[in-house]
Amino acid sequence: MIKAILDPQFQPMAKVVAEFKANVAKVGGVPLTIAVERNKGYISTYSLDIYADGTGKDEENYGIVERIVKTLLWLHGGYKVTVAGSKYIYDNLSAAYKKGGAREFDADFMARVYEKPFEVLYVENAADAPKAFQAADSIGRHLDGCRIGFDAGGSDRKVSAVIDGETVYSEEVVWFPKLQTNPEYHYQGILEAMKTAASKMPRVDAIGVSSAGVYIDNKIMVASLFIKVPDDEFEKKVKTMYIDVAKEIGDVPIEVANDGDVTALAGAMDLNDTNVLGVAMGTSEAAGYVDGDGNITGWLNELAFVPVDFCKDAMVDEWSGDYGCGVKYFSQDSVIKLAPAAGIELDESLSPAEKLKVVQNLMAEGDERAAKIYDTIGVYFGNAIAYYAMFYDIKHVIIMGRVTSGEGGTIVLARANEVLEKEYPELAKKISLHIPDEKSRRVGQSVAAASLPAIK
């Protein structure tokens, strides 16, 4: 196996799950199905054979299934987990997702997103588990008419006026939404951007919004842009903010989507293909997915919280309190985490972005220590793609974000490709990895955002 040179304890989820399945097959297992329900009654399922309860392998079963449940929740989203086929796994999962349990953060987050209490249910037989029921939103790729594309970032906001697929005006304005407690700041900033774009066109037919966070029916459920806004103000003034701003522009359709999904859509439009997973490695790990029909799925795609390392001694994410999750492997945190192992001392007074810059500068100078950091991230990523492919049908992976800029990104991509070719040859035949150039990414994002709504 290709080793993560600076992280010898790394245990790729894809390898661990494959080994578990092979060992169960040798002795003959019993079927287990996990079903996760989210909004509109959509249900995601995952089935595998496990050791029968009470045969001395209960903890081993739970160790694997608990990670898969976590993956399903953060990848697809959901507020109701049904365990069909193992009472032991149900009992332990139920305890983990209760108040005071190890996964209380996850349960609270999902309850907030879906506005329903989080619950874990038990069904005795796997055959009686709820059946999968999925639907994707046929949004995007609409280029007709006069459209506004708005992209809400944490440090700048971008808006474009797009007529029949051509950007006729575009601007970036610096703003500080994460520091503001008064949502009026956000409202006026978004409104000003949209009015500016509207003034550059004869009319406005539709508005598309790309923004970090979780959106359901165009409502803002969770978004870091409003992190300082008190909860009561969030409920009253933030949740429907994009809908409210659109009404001031006119009675036109609006579509709001997670920026990761819009990035994947932009990539799919650029490649003129489907089954695209987009992963941005920046402050955190952001992701989006376009399915085989070219549609955005409505899944959470919060890969920052999806486990990629099975090692229980792996670094813990401060926010969720969990170990081995993507944020510590595919963001600036990963570069900072690996620097000491590479022999690079970073000044603790520097911000995370400044620490990343130090390593990038060393990389630009050809420093071998910096190269080892990106090599390790490439090994992480090749293995993570194999794990993600257990849940997504992938033809293309697009990587971007400031961690991948410069020579470091080239090393990450090359190493990830090598891991796929040597460790997962069947996947390597099917999946292509890409880094888009900066210009096509910036222009593509605004056009993709503008293309989200269909004109009535």
Foldseek 3Di string as FASTA:
>chain_A
DDALVLCRQFDFLLVLVVVQQVVCVVVPFAKKKKWFAAPPRAIDMDMGGHHAPPPPCLVVVLLSVVLVVLQCCQFFNHQEMEIEAHPSNLVLVQQQCDVVHLQVVSQVLRCLQRVHHHGYHYHRHRVPDDDGDFDFDAFFPAQAAWFKFWEDDQFWIKIFIGHSLRTPDIDIDGDHLLVDQDCVRVLVVVLVRVVVSQVRDPAHAEYFYEFAAAADPNFGRDHSSNVNHDPVCCVVDPGNSVVVSVVVRHPHYYYYDYNQQLLQLLVCVVVVAAQEWEWEAEQFIAIFHGARVRGGGSGNRNQQSNAGGSDQPADADPSRRGHRGRRCQRYLVVLVVSQVSLVHDDDPVDDSVVSLVVLVVCVVVVNVSSLSSLLSSLLSQLSVVSVVVVPGVHQEYEYHYPCLPDPSVVNSQVNSLVCCCPVPVVVSVRYDYYYDDPVSSVVSSRSRRRRGDDRD
